[in-house]
Every structure is written in C-alpha cells, then in structure tokens.
Amino acid sequence: MFTGLAAAIFVLVSPAAADEAQHRQLGPHVHGQGTLDIAIEGKKISMELVAPGMDIVGFEHIATTDAQKEAVEKAKAKLTDVLSVFKLPAAANCKADAANVESRKETHHPGDKDDDDDDKPGAPQHSEFHATYTITCDAPESVTGMETVYFTNFAGAQLLNVNVTTSKGQTQAQMTRAKPTLDLAGVM
C-alpha cells in the first residue's frame, strides 16, 4: 500500500504511532490546537488529523446524550469528506481512496505520572477526534498548496500544527483561522 521513505517517516511523526509517548512528553491535548501529519510519496498522500473533541463538537467528554451523539456523527461525516475539508489544487486531480474517522477517549491529565487511575470510574475523561486518509493524485507535482475549511466547519478549532514529509524532506507549519492555507511548493 504505502511504502518507502515517506511511510517510514510518517509512522515516526504520526501521533497515533507515538500516542502514549507523546502524552507522556507533551501532556494532554490543548483546546483549539490540532495536529495534521501529511506524508507524500509518489502519487500517494497520507494524512492524519488529531484534534480535541472540544474543537470539533464543543465538548470534551464522551458523548452521552442523543444531541451529543448526533453532533459527533455530523462531525465525523464532515471529516470523512477529506477533499472538501482539505482542498488540494484542481490541477493535481486528487481522489480520496480511504478515510477513517473516529472519536475516542483520551484520558491522560496534567500531573499524571502514569495511567493507573485513568480508567477508574469518576476519572476525568476527554475525547479527541482521530482521522486518517489516503489520497491518490494523478499530478502530485501540482500539489503546491492546500486550503482548508476546517476552521469554518469547527468553531472551537483555532490552530493546526502541520508536519509534512516528502522525498525532499520534512517541514513544519501552522494553519490558523486567519491563515487557513498551507504552502507546499518548497517540499514538492
């Protein structure tokens, strides 16, 4: 499926691959801030988005009411349509091959030295959204940038920390409400 340098680096920088280590090093998620990892190799683009539930649906606990569950399902439906949320240049002729979006429990908290108490009844819980995507582009050299409606779709979202890996190297950038674009010209 996805092999080579970009796949190896994607695994190394992927929040899912380093989830536990990341929580130990960086602590819990920060409201308003998500992470978007992008790996581009040949015609394939793999993306992974991790964002606090508060950013996406306006609450951070596991959905319990019908209204909350509906909000989660609507958010998942929006996030599943990756090329509507993260728009690539039309000249690249990209198509989404796969999308997986889930809302999951995230239980690490400030001051935690271990995870021993996180699953006990009454322990504070947070949720986060995790999405993975695979995209194929007929003309990947035309992927010189990306625009997003992520901030328009999700009122609590303020910032995406973006990590990009290509055969030419790695770069980091930020997308914000004020600057919902990403320049990829230097790494393609």
Foldseek 3Di string as FASTA:
>chain_A
DDDDDLVVVCLVPPCVNCVVVCCLVPNDDDWQEKEWEWGDEDQKIKIKIKHWPCQQQNFWADDDDPVSVVSQVVSQVVVQVPCQFKPFDVVQVKDWPGKDKDKDKDFTHPPDPDCVCRPPPPRDITIMMMMMTMMGTPRVLRRQKIAGCSCVNGVRHAKYWYWYHYPQGIDIDMAGPVRRMGGRNVPD
